[in-house]
N, C-alpha and C. Protein backbone atom coordinates (compact mmCIF):
# COMPACT_ATOMS: atom_id res chain seq x y z
N MET A 1 31.96 -21.55 -32.89
CA MET A 1 31.88 -22.70 -32.01
C MET A 1 31.40 -22.27 -30.62
N LYS A 2 31.87 -21.11 -30.15
CA LYS A 2 31.49 -20.60 -28.83
C LYS A 2 29.98 -20.37 -28.77
N LYS A 3 29.40 -19.85 -29.88
CA LYS A 3 27.97 -19.59 -29.90
C LYS A 3 27.18 -20.89 -29.79
N ILE A 4 27.63 -21.95 -30.46
CA ILE A 4 26.98 -23.25 -30.38
C ILE A 4 27.04 -23.79 -28.96
N GLU A 5 28.21 -23.65 -28.30
CA GLU A 5 28.35 -24.10 -26.92
C GLU A 5 27.38 -23.36 -26.00
N THR A 6 27.27 -22.04 -26.21
CA THR A 6 26.38 -21.23 -25.39
C THR A 6 24.93 -21.65 -25.61
N LEU A 7 24.52 -21.85 -26.87
CA LEU A 7 23.16 -22.26 -27.15
C LEU A 7 22.85 -23.63 -26.55
N LEU A 8 23.80 -24.56 -26.62
CA LEU A 8 23.61 -25.87 -26.02
C LEU A 8 23.47 -25.76 -24.51
N LEU A 9 24.29 -24.90 -23.88
CA LEU A 9 24.20 -24.70 -22.44
C LEU A 9 22.83 -24.14 -22.07
N VAL A 10 22.34 -23.16 -22.83
CA VAL A 10 21.03 -22.57 -22.55
C VAL A 10 19.95 -23.62 -22.73
N LEU A 11 20.03 -24.42 -23.80
CA LEU A 11 19.03 -25.47 -24.02
C LEU A 11 19.03 -26.48 -22.87
N LEU A 12 20.20 -26.92 -22.45
CA LEU A 12 20.27 -27.85 -21.32
C LEU A 12 19.73 -27.23 -20.05
N THR A 13 20.01 -25.95 -19.86
CA THR A 13 19.52 -25.26 -18.67
C THR A 13 18.01 -25.16 -18.71
N VAL A 14 17.45 -24.80 -19.87
CA VAL A 14 15.99 -24.71 -20.00
C VAL A 14 15.36 -26.05 -19.69
N LEU A 15 15.90 -27.12 -20.25
CA LEU A 15 15.33 -28.44 -20.03
C LEU A 15 15.42 -28.86 -18.57
N SER A 16 16.51 -28.53 -17.90
CA SER A 16 16.66 -28.97 -16.52
C SER A 16 15.96 -28.03 -15.54
N VAL A 17 16.02 -26.72 -15.77
CA VAL A 17 15.45 -25.77 -14.82
C VAL A 17 13.94 -25.73 -14.90
N ASN A 18 13.36 -25.88 -16.11
CA ASN A 18 11.91 -25.81 -16.23
C ASN A 18 11.20 -26.92 -15.48
N SER A 19 11.93 -27.93 -15.04
CA SER A 19 11.29 -28.98 -14.27
C SER A 19 10.80 -28.45 -12.92
N PHE A 20 11.27 -27.28 -12.48
CA PHE A 20 10.82 -26.70 -11.22
C PHE A 20 9.52 -25.93 -11.37
N ALA A 21 9.19 -25.53 -12.59
CA ALA A 21 7.94 -24.80 -12.82
C ALA A 21 6.77 -25.77 -12.72
N THR A 22 5.63 -25.26 -12.32
CA THR A 22 4.43 -26.06 -12.17
C THR A 22 3.48 -25.76 -13.31
N VAL A 23 2.79 -26.78 -13.80
CA VAL A 23 1.76 -26.60 -14.82
C VAL A 23 0.41 -26.70 -14.11
N HIS A 24 -0.40 -25.64 -14.25
CA HIS A 24 -1.74 -25.59 -13.67
C HIS A 24 -2.73 -25.76 -14.83
N THR A 25 -3.57 -26.78 -14.78
CA THR A 25 -4.49 -27.05 -15.88
C THR A 25 -5.87 -26.50 -15.55
N VAL A 26 -6.44 -25.76 -16.52
CA VAL A 26 -7.78 -25.20 -16.41
C VAL A 26 -8.60 -25.79 -17.56
N PHE A 27 -9.71 -26.44 -17.24
CA PHE A 27 -10.58 -27.05 -18.25
C PHE A 27 -11.72 -26.11 -18.59
N TYR A 28 -12.07 -26.08 -19.87
CA TYR A 28 -13.21 -25.28 -20.30
C TYR A 28 -14.47 -25.76 -19.59
N GLY A 29 -15.31 -24.82 -19.20
CA GLY A 29 -16.56 -25.16 -18.54
C GLY A 29 -16.47 -25.17 -17.03
N THR A 30 -15.27 -24.99 -16.50
CA THR A 30 -15.11 -24.91 -15.05
C THR A 30 -14.50 -23.56 -14.70
N SER A 31 -14.90 -23.01 -13.60
CA SER A 31 -14.29 -21.77 -13.12
C SER A 31 -13.27 -22.14 -12.06
N THR A 32 -12.02 -21.89 -12.36
CA THR A 32 -10.93 -22.28 -11.49
C THR A 32 -10.13 -21.04 -11.10
N ASN A 33 -9.83 -20.91 -9.84
CA ASN A 33 -8.95 -19.85 -9.38
C ASN A 33 -7.55 -20.43 -9.26
N VAL A 34 -6.62 -19.86 -10.00
CA VAL A 34 -5.26 -20.38 -10.10
C VAL A 34 -4.35 -19.59 -9.16
N VAL A 35 -3.63 -20.30 -8.29
CA VAL A 35 -2.63 -19.69 -7.42
C VAL A 35 -1.28 -20.24 -7.90
N CYS A 36 -0.38 -19.34 -8.30
CA CYS A 36 0.85 -19.79 -8.95
C CYS A 36 1.99 -18.83 -8.67
N PHE A 37 3.14 -19.15 -9.23
CA PHE A 37 4.32 -18.30 -9.16
C PHE A 37 4.67 -17.85 -10.57
N ALA A 38 5.39 -16.75 -10.69
CA ALA A 38 5.92 -16.34 -11.99
C ALA A 38 6.79 -17.48 -12.51
N GLY A 39 6.66 -17.77 -13.79
CA GLY A 39 7.40 -18.87 -14.40
C GLY A 39 6.58 -20.14 -14.52
N ASP A 40 5.49 -20.25 -13.74
CA ASP A 40 4.60 -21.40 -13.89
C ASP A 40 3.85 -21.30 -15.20
N THR A 41 3.28 -22.41 -15.65
CA THR A 41 2.47 -22.44 -16.87
C THR A 41 1.02 -22.71 -16.51
N ILE A 42 0.12 -21.95 -17.12
CA ILE A 42 -1.30 -22.25 -17.02
C ILE A 42 -1.68 -22.89 -18.35
N ARG A 43 -2.18 -24.11 -18.29
CA ARG A 43 -2.59 -24.85 -19.49
C ARG A 43 -4.11 -24.82 -19.56
N PHE A 44 -4.63 -24.14 -20.59
CA PHE A 44 -6.06 -24.07 -20.82
C PHE A 44 -6.44 -25.18 -21.79
N LYS A 45 -7.40 -26.05 -21.39
CA LYS A 45 -7.79 -27.19 -22.22
C LYS A 45 -9.28 -27.12 -22.54
N ASP A 46 -9.58 -27.35 -23.81
CA ASP A 46 -10.97 -27.43 -24.26
C ASP A 46 -11.04 -28.60 -25.22
N MET A 47 -11.78 -29.61 -24.86
CA MET A 47 -11.83 -30.83 -25.66
C MET A 47 -13.07 -30.85 -26.55
N SER A 48 -13.30 -29.76 -27.28
CA SER A 48 -14.44 -29.69 -28.20
C SER A 48 -13.94 -29.26 -29.58
N PHE A 49 -14.86 -29.22 -30.52
CA PHE A 49 -14.51 -28.81 -31.88
C PHE A 49 -14.74 -27.32 -32.11
N THR A 50 -15.16 -26.60 -31.08
CA THR A 50 -15.44 -25.18 -31.21
C THR A 50 -14.17 -24.38 -30.91
N PRO A 51 -13.79 -23.45 -31.79
CA PRO A 51 -12.58 -22.64 -31.54
C PRO A 51 -12.63 -21.94 -30.18
N THR A 52 -11.52 -21.94 -29.50
CA THR A 52 -11.42 -21.39 -28.15
C THR A 52 -10.47 -20.20 -28.15
N MET A 53 -10.82 -19.18 -27.36
CA MET A 53 -9.96 -18.02 -27.17
C MET A 53 -9.78 -17.83 -25.67
N VAL A 54 -8.55 -17.50 -25.27
CA VAL A 54 -8.27 -17.21 -23.87
C VAL A 54 -7.85 -15.75 -23.77
N SER A 55 -8.42 -15.07 -22.80
CA SER A 55 -8.06 -13.68 -22.52
C SER A 55 -7.46 -13.64 -21.11
N ILE A 56 -6.24 -13.12 -21.01
CA ILE A 56 -5.56 -12.99 -19.71
C ILE A 56 -5.59 -11.51 -19.35
N ASN A 57 -6.16 -11.18 -18.20
CA ASN A 57 -6.12 -9.79 -17.72
C ASN A 57 -4.81 -9.58 -16.97
N THR A 58 -4.06 -8.56 -17.38
CA THR A 58 -2.82 -8.22 -16.70
C THR A 58 -2.89 -6.77 -16.24
N THR A 59 -1.96 -6.38 -15.41
CA THR A 59 -1.93 -5.00 -14.93
C THR A 59 -1.60 -4.03 -16.05
N SER A 60 -1.07 -4.53 -17.18
CA SER A 60 -0.75 -3.64 -18.30
C SER A 60 -1.71 -3.82 -19.47
N GLY A 61 -2.83 -4.52 -19.27
CA GLY A 61 -3.83 -4.70 -20.31
C GLY A 61 -4.04 -6.17 -20.65
N PRO A 62 -5.07 -6.43 -21.48
CA PRO A 62 -5.39 -7.82 -21.78
C PRO A 62 -4.43 -8.46 -22.78
N VAL A 63 -4.28 -9.78 -22.66
CA VAL A 63 -3.51 -10.59 -23.61
C VAL A 63 -4.49 -11.61 -24.17
N ILE A 64 -4.66 -11.63 -25.49
CA ILE A 64 -5.59 -12.54 -26.15
C ILE A 64 -4.78 -13.65 -26.82
N ILE A 65 -5.17 -14.91 -26.58
CA ILE A 65 -4.44 -16.05 -27.13
C ILE A 65 -5.43 -16.99 -27.80
N THR A 66 -5.09 -17.43 -29.00
CA THR A 66 -5.87 -18.46 -29.67
C THR A 66 -4.92 -19.58 -30.05
N SER A 67 -5.46 -20.74 -30.36
CA SER A 67 -4.64 -21.88 -30.69
C SER A 67 -5.34 -22.70 -31.76
N PRO A 68 -4.59 -23.30 -32.68
CA PRO A 68 -5.24 -24.19 -33.66
C PRO A 68 -5.73 -25.46 -32.97
N MET A 69 -6.76 -26.06 -33.57
CA MET A 69 -7.31 -27.29 -33.01
C MET A 69 -6.35 -28.44 -33.28
N PHE A 70 -6.27 -29.37 -32.33
CA PHE A 70 -5.49 -30.58 -32.56
C PHE A 70 -6.46 -31.75 -32.68
N THR A 71 -6.05 -32.76 -33.40
CA THR A 71 -6.84 -33.97 -33.49
C THR A 71 -5.91 -35.17 -33.38
N THR A 72 -6.37 -36.17 -32.66
CA THR A 72 -5.68 -37.46 -32.55
C THR A 72 -6.74 -38.53 -32.78
N PRO A 73 -6.34 -39.77 -32.92
CA PRO A 73 -7.38 -40.80 -33.07
C PRO A 73 -8.34 -40.86 -31.89
N ASP A 74 -7.91 -40.40 -30.72
CA ASP A 74 -8.73 -40.52 -29.52
C ASP A 74 -9.42 -39.22 -29.09
N ALA A 75 -8.96 -38.07 -29.57
CA ALA A 75 -9.51 -36.82 -29.05
C ALA A 75 -9.29 -35.68 -30.04
N ALA A 76 -9.99 -34.59 -29.78
CA ALA A 76 -9.79 -33.35 -30.53
C ALA A 76 -10.04 -32.21 -29.56
N GLY A 77 -9.49 -31.07 -29.85
CA GLY A 77 -9.72 -29.93 -28.98
C GLY A 77 -8.64 -28.88 -29.11
N PHE A 78 -8.54 -28.07 -28.07
CA PHE A 78 -7.61 -26.96 -28.05
C PHE A 78 -6.82 -26.99 -26.75
N ILE A 79 -5.52 -26.75 -26.84
CA ILE A 79 -4.67 -26.59 -25.65
C ILE A 79 -3.88 -25.31 -25.85
N ILE A 80 -3.98 -24.44 -24.88
CA ILE A 80 -3.25 -23.17 -24.92
C ILE A 80 -2.41 -23.09 -23.66
N ASP A 81 -1.08 -23.01 -23.83
CA ASP A 81 -0.17 -22.86 -22.70
C ASP A 81 0.23 -21.40 -22.56
N TYR A 82 0.20 -20.91 -21.34
CA TYR A 82 0.56 -19.52 -21.05
C TYR A 82 1.53 -19.52 -19.87
N VAL A 83 2.70 -18.89 -20.05
CA VAL A 83 3.69 -18.81 -18.98
C VAL A 83 3.45 -17.52 -18.18
N VAL A 84 3.27 -17.67 -16.90
CA VAL A 84 2.94 -16.56 -16.00
C VAL A 84 4.17 -15.66 -15.84
N THR A 85 3.97 -14.35 -16.01
CA THR A 85 5.06 -13.40 -15.86
C THR A 85 5.04 -12.68 -14.51
N GLY A 86 3.87 -12.63 -13.87
CA GLY A 86 3.81 -12.02 -12.55
C GLY A 86 2.81 -10.89 -12.43
N ASN A 87 2.23 -10.42 -13.56
CA ASN A 87 1.30 -9.30 -13.46
C ASN A 87 -0.12 -9.68 -13.89
N GLU A 88 -0.44 -10.98 -13.85
CA GLU A 88 -1.76 -11.45 -14.25
C GLU A 88 -2.74 -11.35 -13.08
N THR A 89 -4.02 -11.11 -13.42
CA THR A 89 -5.03 -11.01 -12.37
C THR A 89 -6.22 -11.93 -12.58
N ALA A 90 -6.55 -12.23 -13.85
CA ALA A 90 -7.72 -13.05 -14.13
C ALA A 90 -7.62 -13.61 -15.55
N TYR A 91 -8.50 -14.56 -15.86
CA TYR A 91 -8.56 -15.11 -17.21
C TYR A 91 -10.01 -15.35 -17.60
N GLY A 92 -10.23 -15.45 -18.89
CA GLY A 92 -11.51 -15.87 -19.43
C GLY A 92 -11.23 -16.81 -20.59
N MET A 93 -11.99 -17.90 -20.67
CA MET A 93 -11.83 -18.86 -21.76
C MET A 93 -13.19 -18.95 -22.44
N ASN A 94 -13.25 -18.59 -23.74
CA ASN A 94 -14.54 -18.39 -24.37
C ASN A 94 -14.70 -19.14 -25.68
N HIS A 95 -15.96 -19.56 -25.93
CA HIS A 95 -16.44 -20.02 -27.23
C HIS A 95 -17.32 -18.90 -27.76
N SER A 96 -17.96 -19.16 -28.88
CA SER A 96 -18.85 -18.16 -29.44
C SER A 96 -20.09 -17.94 -28.57
N SER A 97 -20.49 -18.94 -27.79
CA SER A 97 -21.73 -18.79 -27.03
C SER A 97 -21.58 -18.96 -25.52
N ALA A 98 -20.45 -19.42 -25.05
CA ALA A 98 -20.32 -19.68 -23.61
C ALA A 98 -18.87 -19.47 -23.18
N GLY A 99 -18.61 -19.57 -21.89
CA GLY A 99 -17.24 -19.39 -21.42
C GLY A 99 -17.09 -19.78 -19.97
N SER A 100 -15.87 -19.68 -19.52
CA SER A 100 -15.56 -19.89 -18.11
C SER A 100 -14.47 -18.90 -17.75
N ASN A 101 -14.36 -18.60 -16.46
CA ASN A 101 -13.35 -17.63 -16.05
C ASN A 101 -12.93 -17.89 -14.62
N GLY A 102 -11.90 -17.19 -14.20
CA GLY A 102 -11.40 -17.31 -12.84
C GLY A 102 -10.33 -16.28 -12.56
N THR A 103 -9.84 -16.29 -11.36
CA THR A 103 -8.79 -15.35 -10.98
C THR A 103 -7.43 -16.03 -11.08
N ILE A 104 -6.41 -15.20 -11.22
CA ILE A 104 -5.03 -15.67 -11.18
C ILE A 104 -4.35 -14.91 -10.06
N THR A 105 -3.87 -15.62 -9.06
CA THR A 105 -3.15 -15.01 -7.95
C THR A 105 -1.69 -15.44 -8.07
N VAL A 106 -0.82 -14.47 -8.34
CA VAL A 106 0.60 -14.77 -8.48
C VAL A 106 1.28 -14.50 -7.15
N GLN A 107 1.82 -15.56 -6.57
CA GLN A 107 2.51 -15.42 -5.29
C GLN A 107 3.92 -14.90 -5.54
N VAL A 108 4.41 -14.11 -4.62
CA VAL A 108 5.76 -13.58 -4.72
C VAL A 108 6.71 -14.53 -4.01
N ALA A 109 7.67 -15.02 -4.76
CA ALA A 109 8.68 -15.92 -4.19
C ALA A 109 9.92 -15.11 -3.87
N THR A 110 10.49 -15.37 -2.77
CA THR A 110 11.75 -14.73 -2.41
C THR A 110 12.75 -15.82 -2.11
N GLY A 111 12.86 -16.73 -3.05
CA GLY A 111 13.71 -17.89 -2.85
C GLY A 111 15.18 -17.57 -2.88
N ILE A 112 15.94 -18.46 -2.30
CA ILE A 112 17.39 -18.39 -2.33
C ILE A 112 17.86 -19.62 -3.08
N ASN A 113 18.53 -19.40 -4.22
CA ASN A 113 19.07 -20.51 -4.99
C ASN A 113 20.51 -20.73 -4.59
N THR A 114 20.86 -21.97 -4.27
CA THR A 114 22.23 -22.33 -3.95
C THR A 114 22.83 -23.05 -5.14
N LEU A 115 23.96 -22.54 -5.62
CA LEU A 115 24.60 -23.08 -6.82
C LEU A 115 25.93 -23.70 -6.47
N GLY A 116 26.37 -24.64 -7.29
CA GLY A 116 27.72 -25.17 -7.17
C GLY A 116 27.84 -26.22 -6.08
N ASP A 117 29.08 -26.69 -5.92
CA ASP A 117 29.33 -27.72 -4.92
C ASP A 117 29.53 -27.07 -3.56
N THR A 118 29.73 -27.90 -2.55
CA THR A 118 29.86 -27.36 -1.19
C THR A 118 31.10 -26.51 -1.01
N GLY A 119 32.10 -26.65 -1.89
CA GLY A 119 33.31 -25.85 -1.78
C GLY A 119 33.12 -24.41 -2.18
N THR A 120 32.18 -24.15 -3.13
CA THR A 120 31.98 -22.77 -3.58
C THR A 120 30.77 -22.13 -2.95
N ASN A 121 29.70 -22.89 -2.72
CA ASN A 121 28.52 -22.42 -2.02
C ASN A 121 28.09 -21.02 -2.46
N ILE A 122 27.58 -20.90 -3.67
CA ILE A 122 27.12 -19.62 -4.21
C ILE A 122 25.62 -19.51 -3.99
N LYS A 123 25.18 -18.39 -3.41
CA LYS A 123 23.75 -18.16 -3.18
C LYS A 123 23.32 -16.93 -3.96
N MET A 124 22.14 -17.02 -4.57
CA MET A 124 21.59 -15.91 -5.35
C MET A 124 20.16 -15.67 -4.88
N PHE A 125 19.81 -14.41 -4.58
CA PHE A 125 18.48 -14.10 -4.08
C PHE A 125 18.20 -12.62 -4.29
N PRO A 126 16.94 -12.15 -4.28
CA PRO A 126 15.72 -12.95 -4.34
C PRO A 126 15.46 -13.41 -5.78
N ASN A 127 14.74 -14.46 -5.93
CA ASN A 127 14.40 -14.96 -7.25
C ASN A 127 12.96 -15.44 -7.20
N PRO A 128 12.03 -14.74 -7.86
CA PRO A 128 12.21 -13.66 -8.82
C PRO A 128 12.58 -12.34 -8.15
N SER A 129 13.00 -11.39 -9.01
CA SER A 129 13.43 -10.08 -8.52
C SER A 129 12.91 -8.99 -9.45
N THR A 130 12.80 -7.78 -8.91
CA THR A 130 12.36 -6.65 -9.74
C THR A 130 13.49 -5.72 -10.12
N ASP A 131 14.51 -5.61 -9.27
CA ASP A 131 15.54 -4.61 -9.58
C ASP A 131 16.96 -5.01 -9.22
N VAL A 132 17.14 -5.93 -8.29
CA VAL A 132 18.49 -6.27 -7.86
C VAL A 132 18.58 -7.75 -7.47
N LEU A 133 19.71 -8.37 -7.81
CA LEU A 133 20.02 -9.71 -7.35
C LEU A 133 21.21 -9.61 -6.41
N PHE A 134 21.19 -10.37 -5.35
CA PHE A 134 22.33 -10.45 -4.46
C PHE A 134 22.99 -11.81 -4.66
N VAL A 135 24.29 -11.79 -4.82
CA VAL A 135 25.04 -13.03 -5.00
C VAL A 135 26.05 -13.11 -3.87
N ASN A 136 25.96 -14.20 -3.12
CA ASN A 136 26.87 -14.42 -2.01
C ASN A 136 27.73 -15.63 -2.35
N THR A 137 29.03 -15.45 -2.30
CA THR A 137 29.94 -16.54 -2.65
C THR A 137 31.17 -16.52 -1.76
N SER A 138 31.83 -17.65 -1.70
CA SER A 138 33.06 -17.75 -0.91
C SER A 138 34.31 -17.69 -1.80
N VAL A 139 34.12 -17.54 -3.12
CA VAL A 139 35.24 -17.53 -4.06
C VAL A 139 35.06 -16.42 -5.10
N ASP A 140 36.15 -16.03 -5.76
CA ASP A 140 36.06 -15.15 -6.91
C ASP A 140 35.36 -15.90 -8.03
N ALA A 141 34.50 -15.22 -8.78
CA ALA A 141 33.78 -15.89 -9.87
C ALA A 141 33.35 -14.85 -10.89
N GLU A 142 32.94 -15.34 -12.04
CA GLU A 142 32.36 -14.49 -13.07
C GLU A 142 30.89 -14.83 -13.20
N LEU A 143 30.04 -13.80 -13.16
CA LEU A 143 28.61 -13.97 -13.33
C LEU A 143 28.23 -13.50 -14.72
N ASN A 144 27.54 -14.35 -15.47
CA ASN A 144 27.01 -13.98 -16.78
C ASN A 144 25.50 -14.16 -16.71
N ILE A 145 24.76 -13.13 -17.12
CA ILE A 145 23.32 -13.24 -17.24
C ILE A 145 23.00 -13.27 -18.72
N LEU A 146 22.31 -14.35 -19.13
CA LEU A 146 22.01 -14.60 -20.54
C LEU A 146 20.51 -14.51 -20.78
N SER A 147 20.14 -14.06 -21.99
CA SER A 147 18.74 -14.11 -22.39
C SER A 147 18.39 -15.56 -22.71
N ILE A 148 17.12 -15.84 -22.96
CA ILE A 148 16.73 -17.22 -23.27
C ILE A 148 17.27 -17.67 -24.63
N THR A 149 17.75 -16.73 -25.45
CA THR A 149 18.35 -17.09 -26.73
C THR A 149 19.86 -17.26 -26.63
N GLY A 150 20.41 -17.06 -25.43
CA GLY A 150 21.84 -17.24 -25.22
C GLY A 150 22.66 -15.96 -25.36
N GLU A 151 22.00 -14.83 -25.58
CA GLU A 151 22.71 -13.56 -25.71
C GLU A 151 23.20 -13.10 -24.33
N LEU A 152 24.48 -12.73 -24.27
CA LEU A 152 25.05 -12.23 -23.03
C LEU A 152 24.48 -10.84 -22.76
N ILE A 153 23.82 -10.67 -21.61
CA ILE A 153 23.19 -9.41 -21.25
C ILE A 153 24.03 -8.66 -20.22
N ILE A 154 24.49 -9.36 -19.19
CA ILE A 154 25.29 -8.76 -18.13
C ILE A 154 26.46 -9.68 -17.83
N ARG A 155 27.65 -9.09 -17.71
CA ARG A 155 28.84 -9.82 -17.25
C ARG A 155 29.39 -9.05 -16.06
N SER A 156 29.67 -9.77 -14.97
CA SER A 156 30.16 -9.10 -13.77
C SER A 156 31.12 -10.01 -13.02
N GLU A 157 32.22 -9.44 -12.55
CA GLU A 157 33.14 -10.17 -11.68
C GLU A 157 32.60 -10.06 -10.27
N ILE A 158 32.49 -11.20 -9.60
CA ILE A 158 32.01 -11.17 -8.22
C ILE A 158 33.11 -11.64 -7.29
N LYS A 159 33.12 -11.08 -6.12
CA LYS A 159 34.15 -11.35 -5.11
C LYS A 159 33.54 -12.11 -3.94
N PRO A 160 34.36 -12.72 -3.11
CA PRO A 160 33.82 -13.39 -1.91
C PRO A 160 33.01 -12.42 -1.07
N GLY A 161 31.90 -12.90 -0.54
CA GLY A 161 31.00 -12.07 0.25
C GLY A 161 29.74 -11.74 -0.54
N ASN A 162 29.07 -10.66 -0.14
CA ASN A 162 27.83 -10.24 -0.81
C ASN A 162 28.14 -9.34 -1.98
N ASN A 163 27.49 -9.60 -3.11
CA ASN A 163 27.63 -8.79 -4.32
C ASN A 163 26.24 -8.36 -4.77
N ARG A 164 26.11 -7.10 -5.15
CA ARG A 164 24.82 -6.56 -5.60
C ARG A 164 24.88 -6.42 -7.12
N ILE A 165 23.92 -7.04 -7.82
CA ILE A 165 23.85 -6.99 -9.28
C ILE A 165 22.57 -6.26 -9.66
N ASP A 166 22.72 -5.12 -10.33
CA ASP A 166 21.57 -4.31 -10.74
C ASP A 166 20.95 -4.91 -12.00
N ILE A 167 19.67 -5.32 -11.91
CA ILE A 167 18.97 -5.86 -13.08
C ILE A 167 17.74 -5.02 -13.42
N GLN A 168 17.68 -3.83 -12.88
CA GLN A 168 16.52 -2.96 -13.08
C GLN A 168 16.31 -2.63 -14.55
N SER A 169 17.38 -2.55 -15.34
CA SER A 169 17.26 -2.19 -16.76
C SER A 169 16.76 -3.35 -17.63
N LEU A 170 16.74 -4.56 -17.10
CA LEU A 170 16.27 -5.71 -17.88
C LEU A 170 14.75 -5.66 -18.04
N SER A 171 14.27 -6.11 -19.18
CA SER A 171 12.83 -6.26 -19.38
C SER A 171 12.34 -7.44 -18.54
N SER A 172 11.07 -7.43 -18.20
CA SER A 172 10.49 -8.57 -17.46
C SER A 172 10.62 -9.82 -18.31
N GLY A 173 10.96 -10.93 -17.66
CA GLY A 173 11.07 -12.19 -18.39
C GLY A 173 11.99 -13.16 -17.70
N VAL A 174 12.34 -14.21 -18.45
CA VAL A 174 13.18 -15.28 -17.96
C VAL A 174 14.61 -15.07 -18.46
N TYR A 175 15.58 -15.21 -17.57
CA TYR A 175 17.00 -15.10 -17.89
C TYR A 175 17.72 -16.27 -17.23
N PHE A 176 18.97 -16.44 -17.59
CA PHE A 176 19.79 -17.48 -16.98
C PHE A 176 21.05 -16.85 -16.43
N ALA A 177 21.32 -17.14 -15.17
CA ALA A 177 22.55 -16.68 -14.53
C ALA A 177 23.52 -17.83 -14.54
N ARG A 178 24.74 -17.58 -15.04
CA ARG A 178 25.76 -18.63 -15.09
C ARG A 178 26.96 -18.16 -14.27
N ILE A 179 27.33 -19.00 -13.29
CA ILE A 179 28.47 -18.72 -12.44
C ILE A 179 29.32 -19.99 -12.40
N ASN A 180 30.58 -19.86 -12.77
CA ASN A 180 31.50 -21.01 -12.73
C ASN A 180 30.89 -22.26 -13.36
N ASN A 181 30.33 -22.11 -14.56
CA ASN A 181 29.75 -23.21 -15.34
C ASN A 181 28.52 -23.86 -14.70
N THR A 182 27.88 -23.19 -13.76
CA THR A 182 26.61 -23.63 -13.20
C THR A 182 25.57 -22.59 -13.54
N SER A 183 24.40 -23.03 -14.00
CA SER A 183 23.34 -22.10 -14.43
C SER A 183 22.10 -22.27 -13.60
N ILE A 184 21.35 -21.15 -13.47
CA ILE A 184 20.07 -21.16 -12.78
C ILE A 184 19.14 -20.20 -13.51
N LYS A 185 17.86 -20.57 -13.58
CA LYS A 185 16.86 -19.69 -14.19
C LYS A 185 16.53 -18.59 -13.19
N ILE A 186 16.50 -17.35 -13.69
CA ILE A 186 16.08 -16.23 -12.85
C ILE A 186 14.91 -15.53 -13.54
N LEU A 187 14.02 -15.00 -12.75
CA LEU A 187 12.86 -14.30 -13.27
C LEU A 187 12.95 -12.83 -12.90
N LYS A 188 12.85 -11.98 -13.91
CA LYS A 188 12.82 -10.53 -13.69
C LYS A 188 11.36 -10.10 -13.80
N LEU A 189 10.81 -9.56 -12.73
CA LEU A 189 9.42 -9.11 -12.74
C LEU A 189 9.33 -7.66 -13.15
């Protein structure tokens, strides 16, 4: 039963937190330079019957993505969604005979997330982060960092004041921090 509760919490968190991410749409045949944050989605759209491939250049090598064609009574084409992780530099969207391309500039956010009601006032920063999260709270609390599948990755007791949480060992990606039954999406770069 506990596992079901955790999965439901993660699902609700994904549905509510992802509303902060931005979707950037790139149409085939146009060269667009995308400026975004880690966690944003780049939606590549091609409204033709020709198979489309998207190549994302990253600092660790290329990522190739293909998608099956969709058809509706009103349209046909390809839509490829890609979630930005933070190390992208450029993209190419290609058919067999033509293509379009552009740059991807990932801005570094150093946001401060405030969690809970005014009585607890929990702050977590920076988000996204590469190696450490700082949690500032006015109360004793338990911090749980969960994977997107709901697996508990880190559990830590936090005390009033500033707390340093080492996340350097985590792989790059999306995680959820839960403190006193409040969750927030965190990005590990």
